[in-house]
Amino acid sequence: MIQFLKAIGIILIIISILAVVMSYTLKQKTERQNYRLVKTMQEIEIRFYPKAILATLKSPSETYTGNNNTNFRKLADYIFGSNQHSDKISMTSPVHMEKNSDGSSMSFVMPSKYTMEELPKPNDKNIELHYSDEGYYAVVKFGGYANEKIILNKETELKQKLSEHSITHNNKFVYLGYNAP
């Protein structure tokens, strides 16, 4: 019996190690949205993001994280085959989240190999395919789990650092999540 339990323990350890390795491998193969680093100033980066195709879902919530689970699931359904051709579309990063007085939105970046004409139309009529605005973005990076409070604190921190460097901005902020779902 003891040998059986030891064998089970060893198998569980091997499975755990394989899960970590597979997770790492999958993360390394996930396409990331292109950007060009323009300048680094202490804790902030200035990046240029070229236009990209986004699949976006809007909701009435006025917070970054208000309808995250529902929006993420609906966008994931689209890339996992809930579209006019039942095509599977690779997951990319980051996930974009925005908020304003009209509500919030979550967007998945579409893989760069697609053109707008090549992407299948979503079955969910609320998902919009569109191009992002290209432009220069100030970035403050942080790690760990991001909730509404942390995102708002980082937004305040970014505003303060931009002010310290006399950099004007349009007061439009976007949270880009690079973590695995």
Foldseek 3Di string as FASTA:
>chain_A
DVVVVVVVVVVVVVVVVVVVVVVVVLLVPAAEQDWAFDDDDVQKTKIWGAKFKKWKAWDQAQFQCPCVVVQVVLVCCQQCQQFPVRHHFGFHFWWKWWGDNRGIMIITTGDPVDDPVPRTGGNPPRIDIDMDHTDMDMDGDDDDDDDRVNVVVVLVVSVVVCVVVVHDDPPTDMDTHSDDD
